[in-house]
């Protein structure tokens, strides 16, 4: 076979580099015993940027604030996003009867239903409040079961002692 007729290394005799599909490595790309980069370690680029900005961070922050105050919309958005992050929820301005036990849940649920009906609460807000009550009821039930169990165990001990 002459030099120009010989297939390229790693290729089958009938394959050309154009139709050769690259074999994918399955599993972990590390040698056995090499776990890779430790969790929490930073990328080299991130470390370099932190070093560059480290000494100038305060000056850069002041400049961004100056530009935001001068009307630069992007800088203003950046400041607001960093200083006042978006809230996941909002406080609900809603007066509800005090809930101290399971018997108070009925009155509270009636108040929530009325608030949804008159539009002062959304259905989503009402759903979140009822989830709070569900958790509250579970805690009360667990506490109640625990108290009953302690009483029964105490009664059993007294019976065995006599």
N, C-alpha and C. Protein backbone atom coordinates (compact mmCIF):
# COMPACT_ATOMS: atom_id res chain seq x y z
N UNK A 1 0.84 -1.18 0.00
CA UNK A 1 0.00 0.00 0.00
C UNK A 1 0.88 1.24 0.00
N UNK A 2 0.55 2.22 -0.81
CA UNK A 2 1.35 3.44 -0.85
C UNK A 2 0.90 4.37 0.25
N UNK A 3 1.67 5.42 0.49
CA UNK A 3 1.40 6.37 1.57
C UNK A 3 0.03 7.02 1.42
N UNK A 4 -0.34 7.43 0.20
CA UNK A 4 -1.61 8.13 0.02
C UNK A 4 -2.83 7.20 0.07
N UNK A 5 -2.66 5.93 -0.07
CA UNK A 5 -3.78 4.98 -0.04
C UNK A 5 -4.01 4.42 1.35
N UNK A 6 -3.07 4.61 2.26
CA UNK A 6 -3.19 4.05 3.60
C UNK A 6 -4.25 4.83 4.40
N UNK A 7 -5.15 4.13 5.14
CA UNK A 7 -6.16 4.86 5.94
C UNK A 7 -5.51 5.62 7.08
N UNK A 8 -6.16 6.69 7.50
CA UNK A 8 -5.66 7.49 8.63
C UNK A 8 -5.70 6.65 9.89
N UNK A 9 -4.82 7.00 10.83
CA UNK A 9 -4.77 6.23 12.08
C UNK A 9 -6.10 6.31 12.81
N UNK A 10 -6.53 5.18 13.38
CA UNK A 10 -7.77 5.14 14.16
C UNK A 10 -9.01 4.96 13.31
N UNK A 11 -8.85 4.91 11.98
CA UNK A 11 -10.01 4.74 11.11
C UNK A 11 -10.02 3.34 10.54
N UNK A 12 -11.20 2.85 10.30
CA UNK A 12 -11.35 1.57 9.63
C UNK A 12 -10.91 1.75 8.17
N UNK A 13 -10.55 0.68 7.47
CA UNK A 13 -10.07 0.82 6.09
C UNK A 13 -11.07 1.50 5.16
N UNK A 14 -12.38 1.33 5.36
CA UNK A 14 -13.37 1.91 4.44
C UNK A 14 -13.91 3.25 4.92
N UNK A 15 -13.41 3.78 6.03
CA UNK A 15 -13.94 5.03 6.56
C UNK A 15 -13.00 6.18 6.25
N UNK A 16 -13.58 7.34 6.05
CA UNK A 16 -12.81 8.56 5.87
C UNK A 16 -13.05 9.44 7.08
N UNK A 17 -12.20 10.43 7.30
CA UNK A 17 -12.42 11.30 8.47
C UNK A 17 -13.78 11.98 8.46
N UNK A 18 -14.38 12.22 7.29
CA UNK A 18 -15.67 12.90 7.21
C UNK A 18 -16.81 12.05 7.77
N UNK A 19 -16.76 10.71 7.53
CA UNK A 19 -17.88 9.88 7.99
C UNK A 19 -17.54 9.12 9.27
N UNK A 20 -16.38 9.38 9.86
CA UNK A 20 -16.00 8.73 11.12
C UNK A 20 -16.74 9.42 12.27
N UNK A 21 -17.50 8.68 13.01
CA UNK A 21 -18.16 9.26 14.18
C UNK A 21 -17.26 9.05 15.38
N UNK A 22 -17.14 10.09 16.18
CA UNK A 22 -16.26 10.02 17.34
C UNK A 22 -16.87 9.12 18.40
N UNK A 23 -16.08 8.21 18.93
CA UNK A 23 -16.57 7.32 19.97
C UNK A 23 -16.69 8.11 21.27
N UNK A 24 -17.84 7.98 21.94
CA UNK A 24 -18.05 8.67 23.20
C UNK A 24 -17.54 7.81 24.34
N UNK A 25 -16.91 8.47 25.29
CA UNK A 25 -16.42 7.77 26.47
C UNK A 25 -17.59 7.62 27.43
N UNK A 26 -17.87 6.41 27.85
CA UNK A 26 -18.96 6.18 28.79
C UNK A 26 -18.43 6.22 30.21
N UNK A 27 -19.26 6.63 31.11
CA UNK A 27 -18.85 6.65 32.52
C UNK A 27 -18.09 7.92 32.86
N UNK A 28 -17.33 7.83 33.93
CA UNK A 28 -16.59 9.00 34.40
C UNK A 28 -15.35 9.22 33.54
N UNK A 29 -15.06 10.48 33.24
CA UNK A 29 -13.90 10.77 32.40
C UNK A 29 -12.59 10.82 33.18
N UNK A 30 -12.57 10.39 34.43
CA UNK A 30 -11.37 10.45 35.26
C UNK A 30 -10.73 9.06 35.37
N UNK A 31 -9.47 9.07 35.69
CA UNK A 31 -8.77 7.82 35.98
C UNK A 31 -9.30 7.27 37.30
N UNK A 32 -9.29 5.96 37.50
CA UNK A 32 -9.74 5.40 38.78
C UNK A 32 -8.95 6.01 39.94
N UNK A 33 -9.67 6.41 40.98
CA UNK A 33 -9.03 7.03 42.15
C UNK A 33 -8.96 8.54 42.06
N UNK A 34 -9.28 9.11 40.91
CA UNK A 34 -9.28 10.56 40.74
C UNK A 34 -10.72 11.04 40.74
N UNK A 35 -11.19 11.67 41.82
CA UNK A 35 -12.59 12.07 41.90
C UNK A 35 -12.91 13.34 41.13
N UNK A 36 -11.91 14.01 40.57
CA UNK A 36 -12.17 15.26 39.86
C UNK A 36 -11.98 16.45 40.79
N UNK A 37 -12.52 17.58 40.39
CA UNK A 37 -12.36 18.80 41.17
C UNK A 37 -13.19 18.71 42.45
N UNK A 38 -12.63 19.13 43.59
CA UNK A 38 -13.39 19.06 44.85
C UNK A 38 -14.64 19.95 44.80
N UNK A 39 -15.70 19.54 45.46
CA UNK A 39 -16.91 20.36 45.50
C UNK A 39 -16.60 21.72 46.13
N UNK A 40 -17.16 22.77 45.54
CA UNK A 40 -16.97 24.11 46.07
C UNK A 40 -15.75 24.82 45.56
N UNK A 41 -14.86 24.11 44.86
CA UNK A 41 -13.68 24.78 44.33
C UNK A 41 -14.09 25.64 43.15
N UNK A 42 -13.36 26.73 42.95
CA UNK A 42 -13.74 27.70 41.93
C UNK A 42 -12.99 27.46 40.64
N UNK A 43 -13.62 27.85 39.56
CA UNK A 43 -13.04 27.80 38.24
C UNK A 43 -11.84 28.75 38.20
N UNK A 44 -10.85 28.45 37.40
CA UNK A 44 -9.65 29.28 37.32
C UNK A 44 -10.01 30.69 36.85
N UNK A 45 -10.92 30.82 35.91
CA UNK A 45 -11.32 32.13 35.43
C UNK A 45 -11.98 32.94 36.54
N UNK A 46 -12.82 32.29 37.32
CA UNK A 46 -13.48 32.97 38.44
C UNK A 46 -12.45 33.48 39.43
N UNK A 47 -11.45 32.66 39.74
CA UNK A 47 -10.40 33.09 40.67
C UNK A 47 -9.63 34.28 40.12
N UNK A 48 -9.32 34.28 38.82
CA UNK A 48 -8.58 35.39 38.22
C UNK A 48 -9.39 36.68 38.27
N UNK A 49 -10.69 36.57 37.96
CA UNK A 49 -11.55 37.76 37.99
C UNK A 49 -11.66 38.30 39.41
N UNK A 50 -11.79 37.40 40.40
CA UNK A 50 -11.86 37.84 41.79
C UNK A 50 -10.58 38.55 42.20
N UNK A 51 -9.44 38.09 41.73
CA UNK A 51 -8.17 38.75 42.04
C UNK A 51 -8.12 40.14 41.40
N UNK A 52 -8.57 40.24 40.14
CA UNK A 52 -8.54 41.53 39.45
C UNK A 52 -9.48 42.53 40.10
N UNK A 53 -10.66 42.08 40.48
CA UNK A 53 -11.67 42.97 41.04
C UNK A 53 -11.48 43.18 42.54
N UNK A 54 -10.79 42.27 43.19
CA UNK A 54 -10.67 42.29 44.65
C UNK A 54 -10.33 43.64 45.24
N UNK A 55 -9.29 44.27 44.74
CA UNK A 55 -8.86 45.55 45.31
C UNK A 55 -9.74 46.71 44.85
N UNK A 56 -10.37 46.56 43.70
CA UNK A 56 -11.15 47.65 43.12
C UNK A 56 -12.65 47.49 43.32
N UNK A 57 -13.05 46.49 44.07
CA UNK A 57 -14.48 46.20 44.24
C UNK A 57 -15.27 47.36 44.78
N UNK A 58 -14.75 48.03 45.77
CA UNK A 58 -15.46 49.17 46.37
C UNK A 58 -15.59 50.31 45.37
N UNK A 59 -14.51 50.60 44.63
CA UNK A 59 -14.55 51.68 43.63
C UNK A 59 -15.54 51.34 42.51
N UNK A 60 -15.54 50.08 42.07
CA UNK A 60 -16.47 49.67 41.02
C UNK A 60 -17.92 49.79 41.49
N UNK A 61 -18.17 49.39 42.71
CA UNK A 61 -19.52 49.48 43.26
C UNK A 61 -19.97 50.93 43.34
N UNK A 62 -19.10 51.81 43.81
CA UNK A 62 -19.44 53.24 43.87
C UNK A 62 -19.74 53.80 42.48
N UNK A 63 -18.94 53.39 41.49
CA UNK A 63 -19.14 53.88 40.12
C UNK A 63 -20.47 53.39 39.57
N UNK A 64 -20.82 52.14 39.83
CA UNK A 64 -22.10 51.62 39.36
C UNK A 64 -23.25 52.40 39.99
N UNK A 65 -23.12 52.72 41.28
CA UNK A 65 -24.17 53.49 41.96
C UNK A 65 -24.26 54.89 41.37
N UNK A 66 -23.10 55.52 41.09
CA UNK A 66 -23.09 56.86 40.47
C UNK A 66 -23.79 56.83 39.11
N UNK A 67 -23.46 55.82 38.30
CA UNK A 67 -24.08 55.71 36.98
C UNK A 67 -25.59 55.46 37.10
N UNK A 68 -25.98 54.65 38.07
CA UNK A 68 -27.40 54.39 38.29
C UNK A 68 -28.12 55.68 38.67
N UNK A 69 -27.52 56.45 39.56
CA UNK A 69 -28.14 57.72 39.97
C UNK A 69 -28.17 58.72 38.83
N UNK A 70 -27.23 58.59 37.88
CA UNK A 70 -27.20 59.49 36.73
C UNK A 70 -28.21 59.07 35.66
N UNK A 71 -28.86 57.93 35.84
CA UNK A 71 -29.90 57.52 34.90
C UNK A 71 -29.57 56.32 34.04
N UNK A 72 -28.44 55.68 34.24
CA UNK A 72 -28.09 54.49 33.47
C UNK A 72 -29.00 53.35 33.92
N UNK A 73 -29.89 52.93 33.03
CA UNK A 73 -30.92 51.96 33.39
C UNK A 73 -30.32 50.60 33.75
N UNK A 74 -29.31 50.15 33.00
CA UNK A 74 -28.69 48.85 33.29
C UNK A 74 -28.05 48.86 34.68
N UNK A 75 -27.36 49.95 35.03
CA UNK A 75 -26.73 50.03 36.35
C UNK A 75 -27.80 50.11 37.43
N UNK A 76 -28.89 50.79 37.14
CA UNK A 76 -29.99 50.88 38.10
C UNK A 76 -30.59 49.51 38.34
N UNK A 77 -30.81 48.73 37.27
CA UNK A 77 -31.32 47.37 37.42
C UNK A 77 -30.36 46.51 38.23
N UNK A 78 -29.06 46.65 37.95
CA UNK A 78 -28.06 45.87 38.66
C UNK A 78 -28.10 46.19 40.16
N UNK A 79 -28.19 47.48 40.48
CA UNK A 79 -28.24 47.87 41.89
C UNK A 79 -29.49 47.33 42.57
N UNK A 80 -30.62 47.47 41.91
CA UNK A 80 -31.86 46.99 42.52
C UNK A 80 -31.86 45.48 42.68
N UNK A 81 -31.34 44.76 41.69
CA UNK A 81 -31.29 43.30 41.80
C UNK A 81 -30.39 42.85 42.93
N UNK A 82 -29.29 43.58 43.17
CA UNK A 82 -28.35 43.18 44.21
C UNK A 82 -28.79 43.66 45.60
N UNK A 83 -29.31 44.89 45.65
CA UNK A 83 -29.65 45.47 46.95
C UNK A 83 -31.04 45.09 47.42
N UNK A 84 -31.96 44.97 46.50
CA UNK A 84 -33.35 44.63 46.84
C UNK A 84 -33.78 43.42 46.01
N UNK A 85 -33.35 42.23 46.39
CA UNK A 85 -33.71 41.06 45.58
C UNK A 85 -35.21 40.84 45.58
N UNK A 86 -35.67 40.21 44.51
CA UNK A 86 -37.10 39.93 44.38
C UNK A 86 -37.55 38.99 45.50
N UNK A 87 -38.71 39.28 46.03
CA UNK A 87 -39.27 38.43 47.08
C UNK A 87 -40.06 37.31 46.45
N UNK A 88 -40.05 36.16 47.09
CA UNK A 88 -40.82 35.03 46.58
C UNK A 88 -42.30 35.20 46.88
N UNK A 89 -42.61 35.89 47.90
CA UNK A 89 -44.00 36.10 48.26
C UNK A 89 -44.15 37.50 48.81
N UNK A 90 -45.33 37.82 49.21
CA UNK A 90 -45.55 39.14 49.82
C UNK A 90 -46.32 38.93 51.11
N UNK A 91 -46.14 39.86 52.05
CA UNK A 91 -46.93 39.73 53.27
C UNK A 91 -48.41 39.89 52.92
N UNK A 92 -49.23 39.09 53.53
CA UNK A 92 -50.66 39.13 53.25
C UNK A 92 -51.32 40.05 54.27
N UNK A 93 -51.95 41.10 53.76
CA UNK A 93 -52.66 42.03 54.64
C UNK A 93 -54.07 41.49 54.84
N UNK A 94 -54.20 40.70 55.88
CA UNK A 94 -55.43 39.95 56.07
C UNK A 94 -55.59 39.69 57.55
N UNK A 95 -56.71 40.11 58.12
CA UNK A 95 -56.94 39.85 59.54
C UNK A 95 -57.69 38.53 59.68
N UNK A 96 -57.16 37.72 60.57
CA UNK A 96 -57.70 36.38 60.75
C UNK A 96 -57.82 36.12 62.25
N UNK A 97 -58.81 35.34 62.65
CA UNK A 97 -58.91 35.03 64.08
C UNK A 97 -57.68 34.25 64.55
N UNK A 98 -57.34 34.41 65.80
CA UNK A 98 -56.19 33.71 66.37
C UNK A 98 -56.44 32.20 66.36
N UNK A 99 -55.40 31.46 65.98
CA UNK A 99 -55.51 30.00 65.92
C UNK A 99 -54.58 29.43 66.98
N UNK A 100 -55.18 28.81 68.02
CA UNK A 100 -54.38 28.20 69.08
C UNK A 100 -54.64 26.70 69.18
N UNK A 101 -55.67 26.23 68.50
CA UNK A 101 -55.99 24.81 68.54
C UNK A 101 -56.82 24.43 67.33
N UNK A 102 -57.13 23.15 67.24
CA UNK A 102 -57.88 22.67 66.07
C UNK A 102 -59.28 23.28 65.99
N UNK A 103 -59.86 23.61 67.14
CA UNK A 103 -61.21 24.19 67.14
C UNK A 103 -61.22 25.58 66.50
N UNK A 104 -60.07 26.27 66.46
CA UNK A 104 -59.99 27.61 65.85
C UNK A 104 -59.82 27.55 64.34
N UNK A 105 -59.48 26.40 63.81
CA UNK A 105 -59.23 26.26 62.37
C UNK A 105 -60.51 26.53 61.57
N UNK A 106 -61.64 26.12 62.07
CA UNK A 106 -62.90 26.31 61.35
C UNK A 106 -63.16 27.80 61.14
N UNK A 107 -63.00 28.61 62.17
CA UNK A 107 -63.22 30.05 62.05
C UNK A 107 -62.19 30.68 61.09
N UNK A 108 -60.94 30.21 61.17
CA UNK A 108 -59.90 30.74 60.30
C UNK A 108 -60.18 30.39 58.84
N UNK A 109 -60.62 29.17 58.58
CA UNK A 109 -60.93 28.77 57.22
C UNK A 109 -62.13 29.55 56.68
N UNK A 110 -63.09 29.85 57.55
CA UNK A 110 -64.24 30.67 57.13
C UNK A 110 -63.78 32.08 56.76
N UNK A 111 -62.83 32.63 57.52
CA UNK A 111 -62.30 33.96 57.22
C UNK A 111 -61.55 33.95 55.89
N UNK A 112 -60.79 32.90 55.64
CA UNK A 112 -60.04 32.79 54.36
C UNK A 112 -61.02 32.69 53.20
N UNK A 113 -62.04 31.88 53.35
CA UNK A 113 -63.04 31.72 52.28
C UNK A 113 -63.72 33.04 51.98
N UNK A 114 -64.07 33.78 53.01
CA UNK A 114 -64.71 35.09 52.82
C UNK A 114 -63.76 36.05 52.11
N UNK A 115 -62.48 36.02 52.48
CA UNK A 115 -61.50 36.92 51.86
C UNK A 115 -61.30 36.60 50.39
N UNK A 116 -61.34 35.32 50.03
CA UNK A 116 -61.22 34.95 48.61
C UNK A 116 -62.47 35.41 47.87
N UNK A 117 -63.61 35.25 48.49
CA UNK A 117 -64.88 35.63 47.86
C UNK A 117 -64.94 37.13 47.60
N UNK A 118 -64.48 37.93 48.58
CA UNK A 118 -64.56 39.39 48.39
C UNK A 118 -63.35 39.96 47.65
N UNK A 119 -62.38 39.12 47.30
CA UNK A 119 -61.26 39.56 46.47
C UNK A 119 -60.06 40.10 47.22
N UNK A 120 -60.07 40.06 48.55
CA UNK A 120 -58.91 40.57 49.29
C UNK A 120 -57.78 39.56 49.36
N UNK A 121 -58.05 38.29 49.04
CA UNK A 121 -57.03 37.26 48.92
C UNK A 121 -57.19 36.55 47.59
N UNK A 122 -56.06 36.19 46.99
CA UNK A 122 -56.13 35.38 45.77
C UNK A 122 -56.28 33.92 46.17
N UNK A 123 -56.65 33.11 45.22
CA UNK A 123 -56.79 31.67 45.48
C UNK A 123 -55.44 31.07 45.87
N UNK A 124 -54.35 31.57 45.24
CA UNK A 124 -53.02 31.06 45.57
C UNK A 124 -52.63 31.39 47.01
N UNK A 125 -52.92 32.63 47.43
CA UNK A 125 -52.63 33.03 48.80
C UNK A 125 -53.44 32.20 49.80
N UNK A 126 -54.69 31.97 49.47
CA UNK A 126 -55.54 31.15 50.33
C UNK A 126 -54.98 29.74 50.42
N UNK A 127 -54.51 29.21 49.30
CA UNK A 127 -53.92 27.88 49.29
C UNK A 127 -52.69 27.79 50.19
N UNK A 128 -51.86 28.82 50.15
CA UNK A 128 -50.67 28.84 51.02
C UNK A 128 -51.08 28.89 52.49
N UNK A 129 -52.07 29.69 52.80
CA UNK A 129 -52.53 29.77 54.19
C UNK A 129 -53.11 28.44 54.66
N UNK A 130 -53.84 27.77 53.81
CA UNK A 130 -54.41 26.48 54.23
C UNK A 130 -53.31 25.43 54.40
N UNK A 131 -52.22 25.56 53.63
CA UNK A 131 -51.09 24.64 53.85
C UNK A 131 -50.45 24.88 55.22
N UNK A 132 -50.41 26.13 55.64
CA UNK A 132 -49.90 26.45 56.98
C UNK A 132 -50.78 25.78 58.02
N UNK A 133 -52.10 25.85 57.81
CA UNK A 133 -53.01 25.21 58.76
C UNK A 133 -52.86 23.69 58.75
N UNK A 134 -52.65 23.11 57.58
CA UNK A 134 -52.42 21.66 57.51
C UNK A 134 -51.22 21.26 58.34
N UNK A 135 -50.14 22.03 58.21
CA UNK A 135 -48.94 21.74 59.01
C UNK A 135 -49.22 21.92 60.49
N UNK A 136 -49.96 22.96 60.82
CA UNK A 136 -50.30 23.23 62.22
C UNK A 136 -51.10 22.06 62.80
N UNK A 137 -52.06 21.57 62.03
CA UNK A 137 -52.88 20.45 62.50
C UNK A 137 -52.02 19.21 62.71
N UNK A 138 -51.09 18.94 61.79
CA UNK A 138 -50.21 17.78 61.93
C UNK A 138 -49.36 17.88 63.19
N UNK A 139 -48.87 19.08 63.47
CA UNK A 139 -48.08 19.26 64.69
C UNK A 139 -48.94 19.02 65.92
N UNK A 140 -50.16 19.56 65.92
CA UNK A 140 -51.06 19.36 67.06
C UNK A 140 -51.40 17.88 67.23
N UNK A 141 -51.66 17.18 66.13
CA UNK A 141 -51.97 15.76 66.21
C UNK A 141 -50.79 14.96 66.77
N UNK A 142 -49.60 15.28 66.30
CA UNK A 142 -48.41 14.59 66.79
C UNK A 142 -48.23 14.84 68.28
N UNK A 143 -48.41 16.08 68.69
CA UNK A 143 -48.29 16.44 70.11
C UNK A 143 -49.34 15.70 70.93
N UNK A 144 -50.57 15.66 70.41
CA UNK A 144 -51.66 15.00 71.11
C UNK A 144 -51.39 13.49 71.25
N UNK A 145 -50.93 12.87 70.17
CA UNK A 145 -50.62 11.43 70.22
C UNK A 145 -49.50 11.15 71.22
N UNK A 146 -48.50 12.03 71.23
CA UNK A 146 -47.38 11.86 72.15
C UNK A 146 -47.87 11.97 73.60
N UNK A 147 -48.71 12.96 73.88
CA UNK A 147 -49.24 13.14 75.24
C UNK A 147 -50.08 11.93 75.65
N UNK A 148 -50.92 11.42 74.76
CA UNK A 148 -51.74 10.25 75.08
C UNK A 148 -50.88 9.02 75.32
N UNK A 149 -49.84 8.86 74.51
CA UNK A 149 -48.94 7.72 74.67
C UNK A 149 -48.24 7.78 76.03
N UNK A 150 -47.79 8.97 76.42
CA UNK A 150 -47.13 9.11 77.72
C UNK A 150 -48.08 8.74 78.86
N UNK A 151 -49.34 9.17 78.76
CA UNK A 151 -50.33 8.85 79.79
C UNK A 151 -50.55 7.33 79.85
N UNK A 152 -50.69 6.69 78.69
CA UNK A 152 -50.89 5.24 78.66
C UNK A 152 -49.69 4.49 79.23
N UNK A 153 -48.49 4.94 78.88
CA UNK A 153 -47.28 4.29 79.40
C UNK A 153 -47.19 4.45 80.91
N UNK A 154 -47.56 5.63 81.41
CA UNK A 154 -47.56 5.87 82.85
C UNK A 154 -48.58 4.96 83.55
N UNK A 155 -49.76 4.82 82.97
CA UNK A 155 -50.79 3.93 83.53
C UNK A 155 -50.31 2.47 83.53
N UNK A 156 -49.65 2.06 82.45
CA UNK A 156 -49.14 0.70 82.35
C UNK A 156 -48.08 0.43 83.42
N UNK A 157 -47.17 1.41 83.64
CA UNK A 157 -46.15 1.25 84.66
C UNK A 157 -46.76 1.12 86.05
N UNK A 158 -47.80 1.95 86.31
CA UNK A 158 -48.46 1.89 87.61
C UNK A 158 -49.13 0.54 87.82
N UNK A 159 -49.72 -0.03 86.80
CA UNK A 159 -50.37 -1.34 86.90
C UNK A 159 -49.35 -2.45 87.17
N UNK A 160 -48.20 -2.36 86.51
CA UNK A 160 -47.17 -3.39 86.71
C UNK A 160 -46.49 -3.27 88.08
N UNK A 161 -46.46 -2.08 88.64
CA UNK A 161 -45.84 -1.89 89.94
C UNK A 161 -46.72 -2.43 91.06
N UNK A 162 -48.02 -2.41 90.87
CA UNK A 162 -48.94 -2.87 91.93
C UNK A 162 -49.21 -4.34 91.87
